[in-house]
Amino acid sequence: MNFAFKGRNGRGELVEGVVDAASSDAVAAQLMAGGVVPVSIEATTEAVSAAGGRNWLEALLAKPITQEDALVLTRQLYTLQKAGVPILRALAGLEASTSHPGIVELLQDVRASLDQGRELATAFSRHPGVFSSFYVAMTRVGELTGRLTEVFQRLSEHLEFELDIRARIKQALRYPAMVLVAMGIALVVINLFVLPKFADVFAHFKTELPLMTRILLGFSGWTVKWWPLVVAGAIGAVLAWRNWIATPTGRYAWDRFKLRLPIAGNIVLKATLARFARSFALASSAGVPISQAMTVVAQTVDNAYIGARIEQMRDGVERGESISRCATATGVFTPIVLQMIAVGEETGELDTLMTEIAHMYERETDYAIKGLSAAIEPILLAVIGALVLVLALGVFLPLWNLGQAAMGR
């Protein structure tokens, strides 16, 4: 059951929020344990997200918190922690200095959680859309080891790498995407408006039309007649595909298929392995046990197939096998990387060498992304040429035959 409460913390500041508890007495005990003196506690049936006073329309139109915002927030937390500012004071200062309504609400909730005696990692876990499970786990490690400043620094570098990879991939795919969209629009216009006009002209021909022309006219006529069903079928197919990849089986199959794509698969694989190596190095350097680090990292690589391979490595390590042997069994690492992992195990510098592996994969990903547009352009030209050839044969060949027949008469 949800209870809306108001109280005063040790500094006399008003604290309010909504908590889930069995009774009002349990809420009062929880607040008192966190150093908050309750003023009022009332049972409510409102959702926690509505407790902030926003209705559904405001929540729908609210500006979302992006990964760029999370990166800036992490950097600010690192700077304030490095300067020795207490975490509650740091959060209050950030709340007062930001103009983003979503971040203000997030910081208010984090501060309220800390006032109630929760850990910082637990407060972050209440916002999974902003802080990933890896982010939360590393924050918890930083709290336990007293290295929260270093953890925030490493997390900011991690987020910066993620944003950089995504930005470069989007930049490389921008031109091919624009070409594909233009081709799609052109095909729709030709099918719905151009070919029907030619159909009226060809209807006066007293000779049999070429096969390509009959196919194009038949497809155009069917599209014009049944376009609502075509649109509904396309939307239904997209929704069905999204629901399928939302299932564990569908996500695993789709992520495995992405790695086998002719051009993009190699880039996805290297970027995913770079994310794994950097995340594992960060967790290992922070003192997280290897099995626990692999469990967390497997959830953050954003690929179910690679995540399953990392969990396979974890299971092998828990059975007493070496990391290098488990990595070899996965079949996704190159020989040089496997050699570096083996050397890292022998020398006790695994986190350092995993960082080097991350740099290696990042460089290879960078080179592959730079050549992505150049590799896609010939394919696009071939597709465009094929479409032009089909249209030329289907539309202009009958006109050419008609002109030859007229000249012959």
Protein backbone atom coordinates (compact mmCIF):
# COMPACT_ATOMS: atom_id res chain seq x y z
CA MET A 1 0.00 0.00 0.00
CA ASN A 2 1.26 3.50 -0.84
CA PHE A 3 1.55 6.20 1.83
CA ALA A 4 2.18 9.89 1.15
CA PHE A 5 4.30 11.44 3.87
CA LYS A 6 5.68 14.79 4.95
CA GLY A 7 8.46 15.22 7.46
CA ARG A 8 11.48 17.22 8.58
CA ASN A 9 15.05 16.01 8.32
CA GLY A 10 17.87 16.85 10.71
CA ARG A 11 18.40 20.26 9.07
CA GLY A 12 14.74 21.16 9.39
CA GLU A 13 14.06 20.84 5.66
CA LEU A 14 10.68 19.62 4.49
CA VAL A 15 10.80 16.12 3.00
CA GLU A 16 7.85 14.56 1.22
CA GLY A 17 7.21 11.59 -1.00
CA VAL A 18 5.36 8.31 -1.42
CA VAL A 19 6.52 4.96 -0.04
CA ASP A 20 5.15 1.44 -0.20
CA ALA A 21 4.68 -0.09 3.26
CA ALA A 22 2.36 -2.39 5.15
CA SER A 23 1.05 0.30 7.52
CA SER A 24 1.52 3.90 8.59
CA ASP A 25 3.47 2.72 11.64
CA ALA A 26 5.95 0.99 9.33
CA VAL A 27 6.32 4.23 7.36
CA ALA A 28 6.94 6.20 10.56
CA ALA A 29 9.53 3.67 11.72
CA GLN A 30 11.28 3.83 8.35
CA LEU A 31 11.35 7.63 8.41
CA MET A 32 12.62 7.78 11.96
CA ALA A 33 15.36 5.30 11.12
CA GLY A 34 16.43 7.62 8.31
CA GLY A 35 16.55 10.67 10.57
CA VAL A 36 13.27 12.16 9.35
CA VAL A 37 10.60 13.25 11.83
CA PRO A 38 7.21 12.53 10.25
CA VAL A 39 4.68 15.34 10.19
CA SER A 40 1.87 13.62 8.33
CA ILE A 41 1.32 10.17 6.86
CA GLU A 42 -1.71 9.47 4.70
CA ALA A 43 -2.72 6.41 2.71
CA THR A 44 -3.04 7.08 -1.00
CA THR A 45 -3.95 5.10 -4.10
CA GLU A 46 -2.02 7.39 -6.44
CA ALA A 47 0.97 6.02 -8.30
CA VAL A 48 4.37 7.06 -7.17
CA SER A 49 5.01 8.90 -10.40
CA ALA A 50 1.93 11.04 -9.80
CA ALA A 51 3.02 12.09 -6.33
CA GLY A 52 5.14 14.83 -7.76
CA GLY A 53 1.99 16.72 -8.78
CA ARG A 54 2.20 16.10 -12.55
CA ASN A 55 -0.80 14.81 -14.43
CA TRP A 56 -0.58 12.32 -17.26
CA LEU A 57 -0.39 15.03 -19.94
CA GLU A 58 2.51 16.76 -18.25
CA ALA A 59 4.26 13.44 -17.81
CA LEU A 60 3.74 12.66 -21.50
CA LEU A 61 5.07 16.03 -22.67
CA ALA A 62 7.91 16.16 -20.15
CA LYS A 63 11.43 16.41 -21.57
CA PRO A 64 13.12 13.03 -21.10
CA ILE A 65 16.48 12.58 -19.42
CA THR A 66 18.96 11.56 -22.11
CA GLN A 67 22.27 9.76 -21.81
CA GLU A 68 23.99 13.11 -22.38
CA ASP A 69 22.23 14.43 -19.28
CA ALA A 70 23.34 11.36 -17.32
CA LEU A 71 26.93 11.92 -18.48
CA VAL A 72 26.90 15.56 -17.39
CA LEU A 73 25.36 14.63 -14.04
CA THR A 74 28.00 11.95 -13.48
CA ARG A 75 30.81 14.37 -14.28
CA GLN A 76 29.37 16.93 -11.88
CA LEU A 77 29.07 14.32 -9.13
CA TYR A 78 32.71 13.31 -9.74
CA THR A 79 33.88 16.93 -9.51
CA LEU A 80 31.95 17.61 -6.31
CA GLN A 81 33.09 14.36 -4.71
CA LYS A 82 36.68 15.10 -5.67
CA ALA A 83 36.34 18.51 -4.01
CA GLY A 84 35.13 16.82 -0.80
CA VAL A 85 31.54 18.09 -0.93
CA PRO A 86 29.14 15.79 1.03
CA ILE A 87 26.78 13.87 -1.22
CA LEU A 88 23.57 15.45 0.13
CA ARG A 89 24.98 18.93 -0.24
CA ALA A 90 26.23 18.05 -3.73
CA LEU A 91 22.79 16.83 -4.78
CA ALA A 92 21.16 19.96 -3.36
CA GLY A 93 23.59 22.16 -5.28
CA LEU A 94 22.99 20.30 -8.52
CA GLU A 95 19.24 20.50 -7.99
CA ALA A 96 19.45 24.26 -7.55
CA SER A 97 21.71 24.79 -10.58
CA THR A 98 19.91 22.71 -13.21
CA SER A 99 16.97 23.89 -15.32
CA HIS A 100 15.92 20.42 -16.51
CA PRO A 101 12.61 19.54 -14.79
CA GLY A 102 13.27 15.80 -15.07
CA ILE A 103 16.69 16.05 -13.44
CA VAL A 104 15.29 18.26 -10.68
CA GLU A 105 12.63 15.65 -9.93
CA LEU A 106 15.23 12.87 -10.07
CA LEU A 107 17.57 14.66 -7.65
CA GLN A 108 14.69 15.40 -5.29
CA ASP A 109 13.79 11.70 -5.22
CA VAL A 110 17.44 10.69 -4.66
CA ARG A 111 17.78 13.16 -1.79
CA ALA A 112 14.52 11.95 -0.25
CA SER A 113 15.77 8.36 -0.48
CA LEU A 114 19.04 9.31 1.22
CA ASP A 115 17.14 11.16 3.93
CA GLN A 116 15.18 7.96 4.56
CA GLY A 117 18.40 6.07 5.15
CA ARG A 118 18.75 4.38 1.78
CA GLU A 119 22.09 3.94 0.07
CA LEU A 120 22.99 6.04 -2.97
CA ALA A 121 22.98 2.96 -5.21
CA THR A 122 19.49 2.05 -4.00
CA ALA A 123 18.32 5.58 -4.72
CA PHE A 124 19.75 5.36 -8.24
CA SER A 125 18.08 1.99 -8.82
CA ARG A 126 14.68 3.69 -8.50
CA HIS A 127 15.38 5.30 -11.90
CA PRO A 128 16.35 2.47 -14.28
CA GLY A 129 15.68 4.62 -17.31
CA VAL A 130 18.59 6.89 -16.34
CA PHE A 131 20.94 4.65 -14.37
CA SER A 132 21.64 1.20 -15.78
CA SER A 133 22.17 -1.87 -13.65
CA PHE A 134 25.91 -1.55 -14.25
CA TYR A 135 25.82 2.07 -13.09
CA VAL A 136 23.97 1.08 -9.92
CA ALA A 137 26.29 -1.85 -9.23
CA MET A 138 29.41 0.28 -9.62
CA THR A 139 27.95 2.97 -7.36
CA ARG A 140 27.30 0.32 -4.71
CA VAL A 141 30.88 -0.90 -5.03
CA GLY A 142 32.14 2.67 -4.67
CA GLU A 143 30.12 3.13 -1.49
CA LEU A 144 31.36 -0.11 0.02
CA THR A 145 35.02 0.48 -0.82
CA GLY A 146 35.10 4.23 -0.18
CA ARG A 147 36.18 4.86 -3.81
CA LEU A 148 33.04 6.63 -4.98
CA THR A 149 35.03 9.49 -6.52
CA GLU A 150 37.03 7.11 -8.71
CA VAL A 151 33.88 5.19 -9.63
CA PHE A 152 32.15 8.36 -10.82
CA GLN A 153 35.20 9.20 -12.92
CA ARG A 154 35.24 5.75 -14.52
CA LEU A 155 31.49 5.84 -15.08
CA SER A 156 31.74 9.20 -16.85
CA GLU A 157 34.41 7.76 -19.16
CA HIS A 158 32.23 4.72 -19.76
CA LEU A 159 29.19 6.82 -20.66
CA GLU A 160 31.29 9.05 -22.89
CA PHE A 161 32.52 5.99 -24.80
CA GLU A 162 28.96 4.73 -25.24
CA LEU A 163 27.76 8.06 -26.57
CA ASP A 164 30.74 8.40 -28.89
CA ILE A 165 30.15 4.99 -30.46
CA ARG A 166 26.45 5.68 -30.99
CA ALA A 167 27.11 9.11 -32.47
CA ARG A 168 29.66 7.78 -34.96
CA ILE A 169 27.39 4.93 -36.04
CA LYS A 170 24.50 7.35 -36.56
CA GLN A 171 26.75 9.64 -38.57
CA ALA A 172 27.92 6.79 -40.78
CA LEU A 173 24.36 5.57 -41.38
CA ARG A 174 22.82 9.00 -41.99
CA TYR A 175 23.51 9.09 -45.74
CA PRO A 176 22.39 5.49 -46.47
CA ALA A 177 19.25 6.05 -44.39
CA MET A 178 18.40 9.22 -46.35
CA VAL A 179 18.90 7.38 -49.64
CA LEU A 180 16.66 4.50 -48.53
CA VAL A 181 13.94 6.89 -47.38
CA ALA A 182 14.10 8.76 -50.69
CA MET A 183 13.87 5.47 -52.58
CA GLY A 184 10.86 4.43 -50.52
CA ILE A 185 9.07 7.71 -51.18
CA ALA A 186 9.87 7.47 -54.88
CA LEU A 187 8.47 3.93 -55.09
CA VAL A 188 5.26 4.98 -53.34
CA VAL A 189 4.79 7.95 -55.69
CA ILE A 190 5.50 5.84 -58.78
CA ASN A 191 3.11 3.07 -57.70
CA LEU A 192 0.25 5.33 -56.65
CA PHE A 193 0.44 8.16 -59.19
CA VAL A 194 2.77 7.49 -62.13
CA LEU A 195 2.06 3.92 -63.13
CA PRO A 196 -1.76 4.35 -63.09
CA LYS A 197 -1.35 7.09 -65.75
CA PHE A 198 0.75 4.81 -67.89
CA ALA A 199 -1.86 2.08 -67.38
CA ASP A 200 -4.46 4.29 -69.08
CA VAL A 201 -2.10 4.81 -72.00
CA PHE A 202 -1.19 1.13 -72.30
CA ALA A 203 -4.87 0.18 -72.19
CA HIS A 204 -5.24 1.53 -75.75
CA PHE A 205 -2.51 -0.75 -77.05
CA LYS A 206 -3.79 -3.62 -79.13
CA THR A 207 -0.66 -5.68 -78.61
CA GLU A 208 0.42 -7.80 -75.67
CA LEU A 209 2.52 -5.88 -73.17
CA PRO A 210 5.92 -7.15 -72.03
CA LEU A 211 6.01 -9.34 -68.93
CA MET A 212 7.83 -6.72 -66.84
CA THR A 213 5.20 -4.13 -67.74
CA ARG A 214 2.35 -6.46 -66.81
CA ILE A 215 4.01 -7.18 -63.45
CA LEU A 216 4.49 -3.49 -62.66
CA LEU A 217 0.95 -2.55 -63.67
CA GLY A 218 -0.52 -5.44 -61.73
CA PHE A 219 1.42 -4.54 -58.62
CA SER A 220 0.49 -0.86 -58.98
CA GLY A 221 -3.20 -1.67 -59.43
CA TRP A 222 -3.18 -3.97 -56.43
CA THR A 223 -1.42 -1.30 -54.33
CA VAL A 224 -3.90 1.41 -55.32
CA LYS A 225 -6.86 -0.85 -54.55
CA TRP A 226 -5.63 -2.35 -51.29
CA TRP A 227 -3.31 0.34 -49.90
CA PRO A 228 -5.17 0.52 -46.53
CA LEU A 229 -4.50 -3.20 -46.03
CA VAL A 230 -0.88 -2.70 -47.08
CA VAL A 231 -0.41 0.06 -44.50
CA ALA A 232 -2.21 -1.94 -41.80
CA GLY A 233 -0.16 -5.02 -42.61
CA ALA A 234 3.10 -3.04 -42.44
CA ILE A 235 2.15 -1.55 -39.06
CA GLY A 236 1.07 -4.96 -37.78
CA ALA A 237 4.33 -6.54 -38.94
CA VAL A 238 6.37 -3.85 -37.17
CA LEU A 239 4.40 -4.26 -33.94
CA ALA A 240 4.66 -8.05 -34.12
CA TRP A 241 8.41 -7.81 -34.69
CA ARG A 242 8.85 -5.44 -31.75
CA ASN A 243 6.84 -7.72 -29.50
CA TRP A 244 8.88 -10.69 -30.66
CA ILE A 245 12.26 -9.10 -29.95
CA ALA A 246 10.94 -8.04 -26.54
CA THR A 247 10.79 -11.73 -25.57
CA PRO A 248 14.00 -13.44 -24.36
CA THR A 249 13.98 -15.89 -27.28
CA GLY A 250 13.36 -13.20 -29.86
CA ARG A 251 15.96 -10.86 -28.40
CA TYR A 252 18.57 -13.63 -28.37
CA ALA A 253 17.84 -14.61 -31.98
CA TRP A 254 17.84 -10.98 -33.19
CA ASP A 255 21.08 -10.10 -31.39
CA ARG A 256 22.71 -13.22 -32.82
CA PHE A 257 21.48 -12.31 -36.31
CA LYS A 258 22.91 -8.79 -36.02
CA LEU A 259 26.38 -10.25 -35.51
CA ARG A 260 26.07 -12.18 -38.80
CA LEU A 261 25.15 -9.23 -41.01
CA PRO A 262 27.59 -8.84 -43.92
CA ILE A 263 28.87 -5.33 -43.16
CA ALA A 264 27.39 -4.15 -39.88
CA GLY A 265 27.84 -7.43 -38.01
CA ASN A 266 31.59 -7.01 -37.56
CA ILE A 267 31.08 -3.47 -36.24
CA VAL A 268 28.40 -4.58 -33.78
CA LEU A 269 30.62 -7.41 -32.53
CA LYS A 270 33.68 -5.22 -31.98
CA ALA A 271 31.69 -2.42 -30.34
CA THR A 272 30.00 -4.94 -28.02
CA LEU A 273 33.29 -6.59 -27.06
CA ALA A 274 34.84 -3.16 -26.45
CA ARG A 275 31.93 -2.37 -24.12
CA PHE A 276 32.46 -5.68 -22.34
CA ALA A 277 36.21 -5.17 -21.91
CA ARG A 278 35.85 -1.62 -20.62
CA SER A 279 33.03 -2.53 -18.24
CA PHE A 280 34.90 -5.57 -16.93
CA ALA A 281 38.10 -3.54 -16.43
CA LEU A 282 36.13 -0.90 -14.55
CA ALA A 283 34.46 -3.46 -12.30
CA SER A 284 37.68 -5.39 -11.70
CA SER A 285 39.70 -2.28 -10.83
CA ALA A 286 36.97 -1.29 -8.36
CA GLY A 287 37.43 -4.56 -6.48
CA VAL A 288 34.33 -6.42 -7.66
CA PRO A 289 34.73 -10.23 -7.58
CA ILE A 290 35.17 -11.72 -11.05
CA SER A 291 31.98 -13.80 -11.03
CA GLN A 292 29.90 -10.87 -9.80
CA ALA A 293 31.55 -8.52 -12.30
CA MET A 294 30.70 -10.84 -15.19
CA THR A 295 27.12 -11.12 -14.01
CA VAL A 296 26.74 -7.34 -14.04
CA VAL A 297 28.66 -6.85 -17.29
CA ALA A 298 26.56 -9.50 -19.08
CA GLN A 299 23.52 -7.31 -18.44
CA THR A 300 25.14 -4.15 -19.81
CA VAL A 301 26.65 -5.27 -23.13
CA ASP A 302 23.27 -4.65 -24.81
CA ASN A 303 23.44 -7.93 -26.72
CA ALA A 304 21.70 -11.05 -25.43
CA TYR A 305 23.91 -13.41 -27.45
CA ILE A 306 27.19 -11.92 -26.18
CA GLY A 307 25.66 -11.64 -22.71
CA ALA A 308 24.96 -15.38 -22.75
CA ARG A 309 28.59 -16.03 -23.73
CA ILE A 310 29.80 -13.87 -20.83
CA GLU A 311 27.55 -15.78 -18.45
CA GLN A 312 29.07 -18.95 -19.88
CA MET A 313 32.49 -17.55 -18.95
CA ARG A 314 31.23 -16.78 -15.45
CA ASP A 315 29.96 -20.33 -14.98
CA GLY A 316 33.33 -21.69 -16.05
CA VAL A 317 35.19 -19.39 -13.65
CA GLU A 318 32.90 -20.49 -10.81
CA ARG A 319 33.80 -24.11 -11.61
CA GLY A 320 37.47 -23.23 -11.15
CA GLU A 321 38.53 -22.83 -14.77
CA SER A 322 40.78 -20.00 -15.93
CA ILE A 323 39.33 -16.90 -17.57
CA SER A 324 41.42 -17.40 -20.71
CA ARG A 325 40.12 -20.94 -21.16
CA CYS A 326 36.53 -19.83 -20.64
CA ALA A 327 37.03 -16.95 -23.09
CA THR A 328 38.38 -19.40 -25.68
CA ALA A 329 35.28 -21.58 -25.31
CA THR A 330 32.98 -18.66 -26.18
CA GLY A 331 34.37 -18.39 -29.71
CA VAL A 332 33.95 -14.61 -29.96
CA PHE A 333 37.43 -13.34 -29.06
CA THR A 334 40.38 -13.07 -31.46
CA PRO A 335 43.60 -15.02 -30.71
CA ILE A 336 45.55 -11.89 -29.76
CA VAL A 337 42.87 -10.91 -27.25
CA LEU A 338 42.88 -14.41 -25.76
CA GLN A 339 46.65 -14.16 -25.41
CA MET A 340 46.34 -10.81 -23.62
CA ILE A 341 43.75 -12.26 -21.22
CA ALA A 342 46.08 -15.19 -20.44
CA VAL A 343 48.99 -12.81 -19.77
CA GLY A 344 46.76 -10.67 -17.54
CA GLU A 345 45.82 -13.71 -15.46
CA GLU A 346 49.42 -14.77 -15.07
CA THR A 347 50.71 -11.31 -14.10
CA GLY A 348 47.73 -10.24 -11.98
CA GLU A 349 47.17 -7.21 -14.24
CA LEU A 350 43.93 -8.40 -15.79
CA ASP A 351 42.12 -5.09 -15.36
CA THR A 352 44.98 -3.21 -17.06
CA LEU A 353 45.10 -5.58 -20.01
CA MET A 354 41.29 -5.56 -20.29
CA THR A 355 41.55 -1.79 -20.64
CA GLU A 356 44.08 -2.31 -23.43
CA ILE A 357 41.71 -4.79 -25.06
CA ALA A 358 38.95 -2.19 -24.85
CA HIS A 359 41.21 0.38 -26.54
CA MET A 360 42.07 -2.15 -29.26
CA TYR A 361 38.44 -2.93 -30.02
CA GLU A 362 37.56 0.76 -29.91
CA ARG A 363 40.21 1.55 -32.51
CA GLU A 364 39.04 -1.30 -34.73
CA THR A 365 35.44 -0.14 -34.31
CA ASP A 366 36.48 3.39 -35.25
CA TYR A 367 38.19 2.21 -38.44
CA ALA A 368 35.23 0.01 -39.35
CA ILE A 369 32.73 2.84 -38.81
CA LYS A 370 34.79 5.20 -40.96
CA GLY A 371 34.60 2.68 -43.81
CA LEU A 372 30.93 1.87 -43.28
CA SER A 373 29.56 4.48 -45.67
CA ALA A 374 32.11 3.56 -48.34
CA ALA A 375 31.11 -0.11 -48.02
CA ILE A 376 27.37 0.61 -48.22
CA GLU A 377 27.51 3.02 -51.19
CA PRO A 378 28.17 0.32 -53.86
CA ILE A 379 25.24 -1.71 -52.54
CA LEU A 380 22.97 1.33 -52.66
CA LEU A 381 24.09 2.13 -56.20
CA ALA A 382 23.40 -1.44 -57.27
CA VAL A 383 19.90 -1.35 -55.74
CA ILE A 384 19.13 2.02 -57.33
CA GLY A 385 20.41 0.77 -60.68
CA ALA A 386 18.23 -2.34 -60.46
CA LEU A 387 15.14 -0.27 -59.68
CA VAL A 388 15.84 2.11 -62.56
CA LEU A 389 16.38 -0.84 -64.90
CA VAL A 390 13.08 -2.46 -63.85
CA LEU A 391 11.19 0.80 -64.32
CA ALA A 392 12.86 1.44 -67.66
CA LEU A 393 12.06 -2.01 -68.98
CA GLY A 394 8.52 -1.98 -67.62
CA VAL A 395 7.48 1.56 -68.54
CA PHE A 396 9.54 2.74 -71.47
CA LEU A 397 9.93 -0.52 -73.44
CA PRO A 398 6.25 -0.57 -74.51
CA LEU A 399 6.51 3.10 -75.54
CA TRP A 400 9.64 2.29 -77.52
CA ASN A 401 7.87 -0.62 -79.26
CA LEU A 402 4.92 1.66 -80.02
CA GLY A 403 7.21 4.28 -81.53
CA GLN A 404 8.93 1.65 -83.69
CA ALA A 405 5.55 0.33 -84.85
CA ALA A 406 4.38 3.85 -85.74
CA MET A 407 7.56 4.53 -87.74
CA GLY A 408 7.13 1.19 -89.53
CA ARG A 409 3.62 2.12 -90.67
